[in-house]
C-alpha cells in the first residue's frame, strides 16, 4: 500500500478487492489490464465508470495515477478511452471498439 494513500482510497481499494473476488469479473479485469499494458488501445488518460467500485477497479487496471476518471451511472461497466480505441469492460467480458 502506498504511503500516500488516504482513508478513502484505502477503503475503495479494499472494497474493489472484495468485489473482484467474483471469478468472471476478475478474469475480465485481468484481460483488460493485459490489453492496456500491451498498448492495444494506445495511451489511456480518460475513463468512465458506473460507480465507485467500477472506478476503483478502473484505477487498478490502468495502473496510471494520472488517469482522469468520472462516474457515469449509465450501464454497469468501465470504459477506457485510449488514443486509438476504446475498451469496455463489464461482467460479460472485454470489448474493443475502434
PDB file of N, CA and C in Angstrom:
ATOM      1  N   UNK A   1       0.845  -1.178   0.000  1.00  0.00           N
ATOM      2  CA  UNK A   1       0.000   0.000   0.000  1.00  0.00           C
ATOM      3  C   UNK A   1       0.887   1.236   0.000  1.00  0.00           C
ATOM      4  N   UNK A   2       0.655   2.184  -0.928  1.00  0.00           N
ATOM      5  CA  UNK A   2       1.464   3.398  -0.969  1.00  0.00           C
ATOM      6  C   UNK A   2       1.311   4.208   0.308  1.00  0.00           C
ATOM      7  N   UNK A   3       2.393   4.850   0.728  1.00  0.00           N
ATOM      8  CA  UNK A   3       2.359   5.647   1.955  1.00  0.00           C
ATOM      9  C   UNK A   3       1.407   6.823   1.831  1.00  0.00           C
ATOM     10  N   UNK A   4       1.157   7.309   0.614  1.00  0.00           N
ATOM     11  CA  UNK A   4       0.323   8.484   0.430  1.00  0.00           C
ATOM     12  C   UNK A   4      -1.166   8.162   0.295  1.00  0.00           C
ATOM     13  N   UNK A   5      -1.545   6.899   0.446  1.00  0.00           N
ATOM     14  CA  UNK A   5      -2.951   6.511   0.292  1.00  0.00           C
ATOM     15  C   UNK A   5      -3.759   7.022   1.481  1.00  0.00           C
ATOM     16  N   UNK A   6      -4.826   7.764   1.204  1.00  0.00           N
ATOM     17  CA  UNK A   6      -5.663   8.252   2.284  1.00  0.00           C
ATOM     18  C   UNK A   6      -6.744   7.221   2.617  1.00  0.00           C
ATOM     19  N   UNK A   7      -7.532   7.524   3.617  1.00  0.00           N
ATOM     20  CA  UNK A   7      -8.551   6.584   4.100  1.00  0.00           C
ATOM     21  C   UNK A   7      -9.550   6.218   3.006  1.00  0.00           C
ATOM     22  N   UNK A   8     -10.014   7.201   2.242  1.00  0.00           N
ATOM     23  CA  UNK A   8     -10.994   6.958   1.179  1.00  0.00           C
ATOM     24  C   UNK A   8     -10.414   6.029   0.112  1.00  0.00           C
ATOM     25  N   UNK A   9      -9.160   6.268  -0.277  1.00  0.00           N
ATOM     26  CA  UNK A   9      -8.515   5.411  -1.274  1.00  0.00           C
ATOM     27  C   UNK A   9      -8.354   3.994  -0.739  1.00  0.00           C
ATOM     28  N   UNK A  10      -7.960   3.880   0.528  1.00  0.00           N
ATOM     29  CA  UNK A  10      -7.789   2.562   1.131  1.00  0.00           C
ATOM     30  C   UNK A  10      -9.102   1.792   1.149  1.00  0.00           C
ATOM     31  N   UNK A  11     -10.163   2.440   1.606  1.00  0.00           N
ATOM     32  CA  UNK A  11     -11.466   1.769   1.663  1.00  0.00           C
ATOM     33  C   UNK A  11     -11.955   1.409   0.266  1.00  0.00           C
ATOM     34  N   UNK A  12     -11.700   2.269  -0.710  1.00  0.00           N
ATOM     35  CA  UNK A  12     -12.070   1.963  -2.090  1.00  0.00           C
ATOM     36  C   UNK A  12     -11.317   0.759  -2.613  1.00  0.00           C
ATOM     37  N   UNK A  13     -10.032   0.671  -2.310  1.00  0.00           N
ATOM     38  CA  UNK A  13      -9.218  -0.456  -2.765  1.00  0.00           C
ATOM     39  C   UNK A  13      -9.670  -1.755  -2.106  1.00  0.00           C
ATOM     40  N   UNK A  14      -9.975  -1.710  -0.809  1.00  0.00           N
ATOM     41  CA  UNK A  14     -10.446  -2.901  -0.108  1.00  0.00           C
ATOM     42  C   UNK A  14     -11.794  -3.343  -0.677  1.00  0.00           C
ATOM     43  N   UNK A  15     -12.681  -2.394  -0.899  1.00  0.00           N
ATOM     44  CA  UNK A  15     -13.993  -2.705  -1.464  1.00  0.00           C
ATOM     45  C   UNK A  15     -13.847  -3.296  -2.857  1.00  0.00           C
ATOM     46  N   UNK A  16     -12.983  -2.722  -3.672  1.00  0.00           N
ATOM     47  CA  UNK A  16     -12.761  -3.224  -5.024  1.00  0.00           C
ATOM     48  C   UNK A  16     -12.191  -4.627  -4.991  1.00  0.00           C
ATOM     49  N   UNK A  17     -11.264  -4.880  -4.079  1.00  0.00           N
ATOM     50  CA  UNK A  17     -10.665  -6.210  -3.983  1.00  0.00           C
ATOM     51  C   UNK A  17     -11.715  -7.248  -3.599  1.00  0.00           C
ATOM     52  N   UNK A  18     -12.590  -6.893  -2.673  1.00  0.00           N
ATOM     53  CA  UNK A  18     -13.649  -7.833  -2.275  1.00  0.00           C
ATOM     54  C   UNK A  18     -14.618  -8.066  -3.426  1.00  0.00           C
ATOM     55  N   UNK A  19     -14.953  -7.020  -4.144  1.00  0.00           N
ATOM     56  CA  UNK A  19     -15.877  -7.129  -5.270  1.00  0.00           C
ATOM     57  C   UNK A  19     -15.259  -7.944  -6.395  1.00  0.00           C
ATOM     58  N   UNK A  20     -13.946  -7.801  -6.552  1.00  0.00           N
ATOM     59  CA  UNK A  20     -13.230  -8.501  -7.606  1.00  0.00           C
ATOM     60  C   UNK A  20     -13.096  -9.993  -7.315  1.00  0.00           C
ATOM     61  N   UNK A  21     -13.512 -10.424  -6.132  1.00  0.00           N
ATOM     62  CA  UNK A  21     -13.456 -11.847  -5.794  1.00  0.00           C
ATOM     63  C   UNK A  21     -14.349 -12.676  -6.721  1.00  0.00           C
ATOM     64  N   UNK A  22     -15.272 -12.045  -7.426  1.00  0.00           N
ATOM     65  CA  UNK A  22     -16.084 -12.721  -8.431  1.00  0.00           C
ATOM     66  C   UNK A  22     -15.140 -13.193  -9.538  1.00  0.00           C
ATOM     67  N   UNK A  23     -15.011 -14.522  -9.760  1.00  0.00           N
ATOM     68  CA  UNK A  23     -14.023 -15.035 -10.715  1.00  0.00           C
ATOM     69  C   UNK A  23     -14.164 -14.497 -12.135  1.00  0.00           C
ATOM     70  N   UNK A  24     -15.381 -14.382 -12.659  1.00  0.00           N
ATOM     71  CA  UNK A  24     -15.522 -13.910 -14.038  1.00  0.00           C
ATOM     72  C   UNK A  24     -15.159 -12.427 -14.146  1.00  0.00           C
ATOM     73  N   UNK A  25     -15.523 -11.640 -13.152  1.00  0.00           N
ATOM     74  CA  UNK A  25     -15.171 -10.222 -13.165  1.00  0.00           C
ATOM     75  C   UNK A  25     -13.661 -10.048 -13.023  1.00  0.00           C
ATOM     76  N   UNK A  26     -13.049 -10.850 -12.164  1.00  0.00           N
ATOM     77  CA  UNK A  26     -11.595 -10.796 -12.000  1.00  0.00           C
ATOM     78  C   UNK A  26     -10.894 -11.136 -13.317  1.00  0.00           C
ATOM     79  N   UNK A  27     -11.386 -12.131 -14.014  1.00  0.00           N
ATOM     80  CA  UNK A  27     -10.800 -12.525 -15.306  1.00  0.00           C
ATOM     81  C   UNK A  27     -10.957 -11.397 -16.326  1.00  0.00           C
ATOM     82  N   UNK A  28     -12.112 -10.758 -16.354  1.00  0.00           N
ATOM     83  CA  UNK A  28     -12.352  -9.660 -17.296  1.00  0.00           C
ATOM     84  C   UNK A  28     -11.391  -8.504 -17.045  1.00  0.00           C
ATOM     85  N   UNK A  29     -11.186  -8.150 -15.779  1.00  0.00           N
ATOM     86  CA  UNK A  29     -10.275  -7.055 -15.483  1.00  0.00           C
ATOM     87  C   UNK A  29      -8.821  -7.456 -15.711  1.00  0.00           C
ATOM     88  N   UNK A  30      -8.476  -8.712 -15.506  1.00  0.00           N
ATOM     89  CA  UNK A  30      -7.118  -9.177 -15.831  1.00  0.00           C
ATOM     90  C   UNK A  30      -6.896  -9.076 -17.338  1.00  0.00           C
ATOM     91  N   UNK A  31      -7.902  -9.458 -18.122  1.00  0.00           N
ATOM     92  CA  UNK A  31      -7.804  -9.336 -19.582  1.00  0.00           C
ATOM     93  C   UNK A  31      -7.641  -7.865 -19.979  1.00  0.00           C
ATOM     94  N   UNK A  32      -8.408  -6.996 -19.349  1.00  0.00           N
ATOM     95  CA  UNK A  32      -8.320  -5.558 -19.646  1.00  0.00           C
ATOM     96  C   UNK A  32      -6.934  -5.029 -19.300  1.00  0.00           C
ATOM     97  N   UNK A  33      -6.400  -5.437 -18.165  1.00  0.00           N
ATOM     98  CA  UNK A  33      -5.064  -4.987 -17.757  1.00  0.00           C
ATOM     99  C   UNK A  33      -4.021  -5.405 -18.789  1.00  0.00           C
ATOM    100  N   UNK A  34      -4.124  -6.636 -19.292  1.00  0.00           N
ATOM    101  CA  UNK A  34      -3.183  -7.118 -20.311  1.00  0.00           C
ATOM    102  C   UNK A  34      -3.313  -6.307 -21.608  1.00  0.00           C
ATOM    103  N   UNK A  35      -4.541  -6.048 -22.035  1.00  0.00           N
ATOM    104  CA  UNK A  35      -4.758  -5.274 -23.258  1.00  0.00           C
ATOM    105  C   UNK A  35      -4.183  -3.860 -23.144  1.00  0.00           C
ATOM    106  N   UNK A  36      -4.421  -3.231 -22.016  1.00  0.00           N
ATOM    107  CA  UNK A  36      -3.923  -1.869 -21.808  1.00  0.00           C
ATOM    108  C   UNK A  36      -2.398  -1.879 -21.727  1.00  0.00           C
ATOM    109  N   UNK A  37      -1.838  -2.824 -20.990  1.00  0.00           N
ATOM    110  CA  UNK A  37      -0.379  -2.908 -20.860  1.00  0.00           C
ATOM    111  C   UNK A  37       0.296  -3.180 -22.201  1.00  0.00           C
ATOM    112  N   UNK A  38      -0.384  -3.934 -23.077  1.00  0.00           N
ATOM    113  CA  UNK A  38       0.169  -4.255 -24.395  1.00  0.00           C
ATOM    114  C   UNK A  38       0.021  -3.094 -25.380  1.00  0.00           C
ATOM    115  N   UNK A  39      -0.685  -2.046 -24.975  1.00  0.00           N
ATOM    116  CA  UNK A  39      -0.866  -0.885 -25.848  1.00  0.00           C
ATOM    117  C   UNK A  39      -1.938  -1.074 -26.899  1.00  0.00           C
ATOM    118  N   UNK A  40      -2.850  -2.019 -26.681  1.00  0.00           N
ATOM    119  CA  UNK A  40      -3.883  -2.332 -27.671  1.00  0.00           C
ATOM    120  C   UNK A  40      -4.820  -1.166 -27.961  1.00  0.00           C
ATOM    121  N   UNK A  41      -4.960  -0.233 -27.022  1.00  0.00           N
ATOM    122  CA  UNK A  41      -5.844   0.910 -27.277  1.00  0.00           C
ATOM    123  C   UNK A  41      -5.080   2.233 -27.214  1.00  0.00           C
ATOM    124  N   UNK A  42      -3.771   2.154 -27.180  1.00  0.00           N
ATOM    125  CA  UNK A  42      -2.958   3.352 -27.084  1.00  0.00           C
ATOM    126  C   UNK A  42      -2.936   3.863 -25.652  1.00  0.00           C
ATOM    127  N   UNK A  43      -2.279   4.980 -25.422  1.00  0.00           N
ATOM    128  CA  UNK A  43      -2.258   5.550 -24.072  1.00  0.00           C
ATOM    129  C   UNK A  43      -3.673   5.864 -23.584  1.00  0.00           C
ATOM    130  N   UNK A  44      -3.929   5.535 -22.329  1.00  0.00           N
ATOM    131  CA  UNK A  44      -5.243   5.766 -21.727  1.00  0.00           C
ATOM    132  C   UNK A  44      -5.114   6.900 -20.716  1.00  0.00           C
ATOM    133  N   UNK A  45      -5.885   7.940 -20.911  1.00  0.00           N
ATOM    134  CA  UNK A  45      -5.883   9.071 -19.977  1.00  0.00           C
ATOM    135  C   UNK A  45      -7.263   9.316 -19.372  1.00  0.00           C
ATOM    136  N   UNK A  46      -8.309   8.765 -19.996  1.00  0.00           N
ATOM    137  CA  UNK A  46      -9.679   9.010 -19.534  1.00  0.00           C
ATOM    138  C   UNK A  46     -10.414   7.692 -19.338  1.00  0.00           C
ATOM    139  N   UNK A  47     -11.315   7.701 -18.377  1.00  0.00           N
ATOM    140  CA  UNK A  47     -12.115   6.512 -18.087  1.00  0.00           C
ATOM    141  C   UNK A  47     -13.473   6.946 -17.542  1.00  0.00           C
ATOM    142  N   UNK A  48     -14.480   6.191 -17.890  1.00  0.00           N
ATOM    143  CA  UNK A  48     -15.810   6.366 -17.296  1.00  0.00           C
ATOM    144  C   UNK A  48     -16.153   5.073 -16.578  1.00  0.00           C
ATOM    145  N   UNK A  49     -16.705   5.188 -15.385  1.00  0.00           N
ATOM    146  CA  UNK A  49     -17.038   4.016 -14.584  1.00  0.00           C
ATOM    147  C   UNK A  49     -18.446   4.167 -14.025  1.00  0.00           C
ATOM    148  N   UNK A  50     -19.144   3.044 -13.896  1.00  0.00           N
ATOM    149  CA  UNK A  50     -20.550   3.046 -13.492  1.00  0.00           C
ATOM    150  C   UNK A  50     -20.767   3.409 -12.032  1.00  0.00           C
ATOM    151  N   UNK A  51     -19.780   3.270 -11.200  1.00  0.00           N
ATOM    152  CA  UNK A  51     -19.938   3.578  -9.788  1.00  0.00           C
ATOM    153  C   UNK A  51     -18.605   3.512  -9.075  1.00  0.00           C
ATOM    154  N   UNK A  52     -18.596   3.709  -7.769  1.00  0.00           N
ATOM    155  CA  UNK A  52     -17.345   3.741  -7.016  1.00  0.00           C
ATOM    156  C   UNK A  52     -16.512   2.462  -7.144  1.00  0.00           C
ATOM    157  N   UNK A  53     -17.161   1.312  -7.142  1.00  0.00           N
ATOM    158  CA  UNK A  53     -16.406   0.055  -7.259  1.00  0.00           C
ATOM    159  C   UNK A  53     -15.787  -0.080  -8.640  1.00  0.00           C
ATOM    160  N   UNK A  54     -16.552   0.249  -9.672  1.00  0.00           N
ATOM    161  CA  UNK A  54     -16.011   0.209 -11.029  1.00  0.00           C
ATOM    162  C   UNK A  54     -14.862   1.208 -11.154  1.00  0.00           C
ATOM    163  N   UNK A  55     -15.001   2.356 -10.526  1.00  0.00           N
ATOM    164  CA  UNK A  55     -13.964   3.383 -10.589  1.00  0.00           C
ATOM    165  C   UNK A  55     -12.677   2.898  -9.915  1.00  0.00           C
ATOM    166  N   UNK A  56     -12.799   2.289  -8.755  1.00  0.00           N
ATOM    167  CA  UNK A  56     -11.621   1.756  -8.054  1.00  0.00           C
ATOM    168  C   UNK A  56     -10.942   0.678  -8.887  1.00  0.00           C
ATOM    169  N   UNK A  57     -11.738  -0.196  -9.499  1.00  0.00           N
ATOM    170  CA  UNK A  57     -11.168  -1.243 -10.351  1.00  0.00           C
ATOM    171  C   UNK A  57     -10.505  -0.646 -11.586  1.00  0.00           C
ATOM    172  N   UNK A  58     -11.118   0.369 -12.162  1.00  0.00           N
ATOM    173  CA  UNK A  58     -10.539   1.009 -13.343  1.00  0.00           C
ATOM    174  C   UNK A  58      -9.177   1.612 -13.016  1.00  0.00           C
ATOM    175  N   UNK A  59      -9.062   2.226 -11.869  1.00  0.00           N
ATOM    176  CA  UNK A  59      -7.772   2.807 -11.478  1.00  0.00           C
ATOM    177  C   UNK A  59      -6.726   1.712 -11.285  1.00  0.00           C
ATOM    178  N   UNK A  60      -7.128   0.581 -10.723  1.00  0.00           N
ATOM    179  CA  UNK A  60      -6.197  -0.535 -10.555  1.00  0.00           C
ATOM    180  C   UNK A  60      -5.767  -1.085 -11.911  1.00  0.00           C
ATOM    181  N   UNK A  61      -6.707  -1.242 -12.810  1.00  0.00           N
ATOM    182  CA  UNK A  61      -6.416  -1.796 -14.136  1.00  0.00           C
ATOM    183  C   UNK A  61      -5.486  -0.889 -14.914  1.00  0.00           C
ATOM    184  N   UNK A  62      -5.747   0.407 -14.892  1.00  0.00           N
ATOM    185  CA  UNK A  62      -4.951   1.326 -15.701  1.00  0.00           C
ATOM    186  C   UNK A  62      -3.530   1.438 -15.179  1.00  0.00           C
ATOM    187  N   UNK A  63      -3.371   1.363 -13.873  1.00  0.00           N
ATOM    188  CA  UNK A  63      -2.050   1.499 -13.293  1.00  0.00           C
ATOM    189  C   UNK A  63      -1.450   2.880 -13.494  1.00  0.00           C
ATOM    190  N   UNK A  64      -2.257   3.836 -13.876  1.00  0.00           N
ATOM    191  CA  UNK A  64      -1.776   5.186 -14.175  1.00  0.00           C
ATOM    192  C   UNK A  64      -2.388   6.163 -13.179  1.00  0.00           C
ATOM    193  N   UNK A  65      -1.537   6.777 -12.374  1.00  0.00           N
ATOM    194  CA  UNK A  65      -2.045   7.705 -11.364  1.00  0.00           C
ATOM    195  C   UNK A  65      -2.595   8.991 -11.976  1.00  0.00           C
ATOM    196  N   UNK A  66      -2.298   9.247 -13.255  1.00  0.00           N
ATOM    197  CA  UNK A  66      -2.800  10.458 -13.909  1.00  0.00           C
ATOM    198  C   UNK A  66      -4.117  10.223 -14.642  1.00  0.00           C
ATOM    199  N   UNK A  67      -4.703   9.043 -14.485  1.00  0.00           N
ATOM    200  CA  UNK A  67      -5.965   8.720 -15.148  1.00  0.00           C
ATOM    201  C   UNK A  67      -7.051   9.689 -14.701  1.00  0.00           C
ATOM    202  N   UNK A  68      -7.720  10.297 -15.659  1.00  0.00           N
ATOM    203  CA  UNK A  68      -8.858  11.160 -15.365  1.00  0.00           C
ATOM    204  C   UNK A  68     -10.097  10.282 -15.477  1.00  0.00           C
ATOM    205  N   UNK A  69     -10.782  10.105 -14.371  1.00  0.00           N
ATOM    206  CA  UNK A  69     -11.919   9.187 -14.348  1.00  0.00           C
ATOM    207  C   UNK A  69     -13.147   9.903 -13.823  1.00  0.00           C
ATOM    208  N   UNK A  70     -14.280   9.521 -14.372  1.00  0.00           N
ATOM    209  CA  UNK A  70     -15.544  10.064 -13.902  1.00  0.00           C
ATOM    210  C   UNK A  70     -16.531   8.933 -13.720  1.00  0.00           C
ATOM    211  N   UNK A  71     -17.455   9.154 -12.802  1.00  0.00           N
ATOM    212  CA  UNK A  71     -18.517   8.176 -12.627  1.00  0.00           C
ATOM    213  C   UNK A  71     -19.662   8.554 -13.545  1.00  0.00           C
ATOM    214  N   UNK A  72     -20.158   7.557 -14.240  1.00  0.00           N
ATOM    215  CA  UNK A  72     -21.238   7.737 -15.196  1.00  0.00           C
ATOM    216  C   UNK A  72     -22.201   6.569 -14.976  1.00  0.00           C
ATOM    217  N   UNK A  73     -23.349   6.839 -14.406  1.00  0.00           N
ATOM    218  CA  UNK A  73     -24.255   5.786 -13.956  1.00  0.00           C
ATOM    219  C   UNK A  73     -24.873   4.952 -15.072  1.00  0.00           C
ATOM    220  N   UNK A  74     -24.786   5.406 -16.308  1.00  0.00           N
ATOM    221  CA  UNK A  74     -25.366   4.627 -17.414  1.00  0.00           C
ATOM    222  C   UNK A  74     -24.560   3.354 -17.616  1.00  0.00           C
ATOM    223  N   UNK A  75     -25.237   2.237 -17.589  1.00  0.00           N
ATOM    224  CA  UNK A  75     -24.565   0.950 -17.792  1.00  0.00           C
ATOM    225  C   UNK A  75     -23.961   0.424 -16.507  1.00  0.00           C
ATOM    226  N   UNK A  76     -23.345  -0.717 -16.611  1.00  0.00           N
ATOM    227  CA  UNK A  76     -22.711  -1.374 -15.485  1.00  0.00           C
ATOM    228  C   UNK A  76     -21.343  -1.825 -15.963  1.00  0.00           C
ATOM    229  N   UNK A  77     -20.432  -0.847 -16.149  1.00  0.00           N
ATOM    230  CA  UNK A  77     -19.156  -1.156 -16.778  1.00  0.00           C
ATOM    231  C   UNK A  77     -18.127  -0.083 -16.469  1.00  0.00           C
ATOM    232  N   UNK A  78     -16.933  -0.320 -16.992  1.00  0.00           N
ATOM    233  CA  UNK A  78     -15.880   0.691 -17.019  1.00  0.00           C
ATOM    234  C   UNK A  78     -15.464   0.831 -18.476  1.00  0.00           C
ATOM    235  N   UNK A  79     -15.277   2.056 -18.913  1.00  0.00           N
ATOM    236  CA  UNK A  79     -14.913   2.331 -20.300  1.00  0.00           C
ATOM    237  C   UNK A  79     -13.598   3.100 -20.300  1.00  0.00           C
ATOM    238  N   UNK A  80     -12.585   2.517 -20.937  1.00  0.00           N
ATOM    239  CA  UNK A  80     -11.271   3.138 -21.042  1.00  0.00           C
ATOM    240  C   UNK A  80     -11.147   3.773 -22.418  1.00  0.00           C
ATOM    241  N   UNK A  81     -10.882   5.062 -22.442  1.00  0.00           N
ATOM    242  CA  UNK A  81     -10.779   5.796 -23.691  1.00  0.00           C
ATOM    243  C   UNK A  81      -9.305   5.961 -24.043  1.00  0.00           C
ATOM    244  N   UNK A  82      -8.837   5.105 -24.955  1.00  0.00           N
ATOM    245  CA  UNK A  82      -7.458   5.176 -25.396  1.00  0.00           C
ATOM    246  C   UNK A  82      -7.319   6.099 -26.592  1.00  0.00           C
ATOM    247  N   UNK A  83      -6.092   6.341 -27.023  1.00  0.00           N
ATOM    248  CA  UNK A  83      -5.866   7.242 -28.148  1.00  0.00           C
ATOM    249  C   UNK A  83      -6.220   6.597 -29.484  1.00  0.00           C
ATOM    250  N   UNK A  84      -6.251   5.253 -29.545  1.00  0.00           N
ATOM    251  CA  UNK A  84      -6.550   4.588 -30.816  1.00  0.00           C
ATOM    252  C   UNK A  84      -7.810   3.729 -30.777  1.00  0.00           C
ATOM    253  N   UNK A  85      -8.323   3.438 -29.598  1.00  0.00           N
ATOM    254  CA  UNK A  85      -9.527   2.605 -29.481  1.00  0.00           C
ATOM    255  C   UNK A  85     -10.125   2.801 -28.093  1.00  0.00           C
ATOM    256  N   UNK A  86     -11.288   2.208 -27.900  1.00  0.00           N
ATOM    257  CA  UNK A  86     -11.988   2.244 -26.619  1.00  0.00           C
ATOM    258  C   UNK A  86     -12.148   0.820 -26.128  1.00  0.00           C
ATOM    259  N   UNK A  87     -11.951   0.616 -24.842  1.00  0.00           N
ATOM    260  CA  UNK A  87     -12.102  -0.706 -24.235  1.00  0.00           C
ATOM    261  C   UNK A  87     -13.231  -0.641 -23.224  1.00  0.00           C
ATOM    262  N   UNK A  88     -14.233  -1.506 -23.407  1.00  0.00           N
ATOM    263  CA  UNK A  88     -15.363  -1.596 -22.487  1.00  0.00           C
ATOM    264  C   UNK A  88     -15.212  -2.889 -21.695  1.00  0.00           C
ATOM    265  N   UNK A  89     -15.273  -2.784 -20.371  1.00  0.00           N
ATOM    266  CA  UNK A  89     -15.156  -3.944 -19.501  1.00  0.00           C
ATOM    267  C   UNK A  89     -16.424  -4.020 -18.662  1.00  0.00           C
ATOM    268  N   UNK A  90     -17.083  -5.169 -18.713  1.00  0.00           N
ATOM    269  CA  UNK A  90     -18.261  -5.372 -17.884  1.00  0.00           C
ATOM    270  C   UNK A  90     -18.255  -6.807 -17.375  1.00  0.00           C
ATOM    271  N   UNK A  91     -19.355  -7.242 -16.808  1.00  0.00           N
ATOM    272  CA  UNK A  91     -19.424  -8.596 -16.254  1.00  0.00           C
ATOM    273  C   UNK A  91     -19.356  -9.674 -17.338  1.00  0.00           C
ATOM    274  N   UNK A  92     -19.664  -9.308 -18.577  1.00  0.00           N
ATOM    275  CA  UNK A  92     -19.656 -10.278 -19.678  1.00  0.00           C
ATOM    276  C   UNK A  92     -18.275 -10.453 -20.293  1.00  0.00           C
ATOM    277  N   UNK A  93     -17.391  -9.464 -20.175  1.00  0.00           N
ATOM    278  CA  UNK A  93     -16.073  -9.551 -20.764  1.00  0.00           C
ATOM    279  C   UNK A  93     -15.530  -8.206 -21.182  1.00  0.00           C
ATOM    280  N   UNK A  94     -14.596  -8.231 -22.125  1.00  0.00           N
ATOM    281  CA  UNK A  94     -13.973  -7.025 -22.668  1.00  0.00           C
ATOM    282  C   UNK A  94     -14.338  -6.898 -24.135  1.00  0.00           C
ATOM    283  N   UNK A  95     -14.615  -5.656 -24.563  1.00  0.00           N
ATOM    284  CA  UNK A  95     -14.902  -5.392 -25.968  1.00  0.00           C
ATOM    285  C   UNK A  95     -14.051  -4.222 -26.425  1.00  0.00           C
ATOM    286  N   UNK A  96     -13.340  -4.409 -27.535  1.00  0.00           N
ATOM    287  CA  UNK A  96     -12.567  -3.327 -28.137  1.00  0.00           C
ATOM    288  C   UNK A  96     -13.421  -2.654 -29.188  1.00  0.00           C
ATOM    289  N   UNK A  97     -13.493  -1.338 -29.130  1.00  0.00           N
ATOM    290  CA  UNK A  97     -14.243  -0.580 -30.125  1.00  0.00           C
ATOM    291  C   UNK A  97     -13.261   0.336 -30.837  1.00  0.00           C
ATOM    292  N   UNK A  98     -13.266   0.319 -32.171  1.00  0.00           N
ATOM    293  CA  UNK A  98     -12.315   1.162 -32.929  1.00  0.00           C
ATOM    294  C   UNK A  98     -12.612   2.644 -32.750  1.00  0.00           C
TER     295      UNK A  98
END
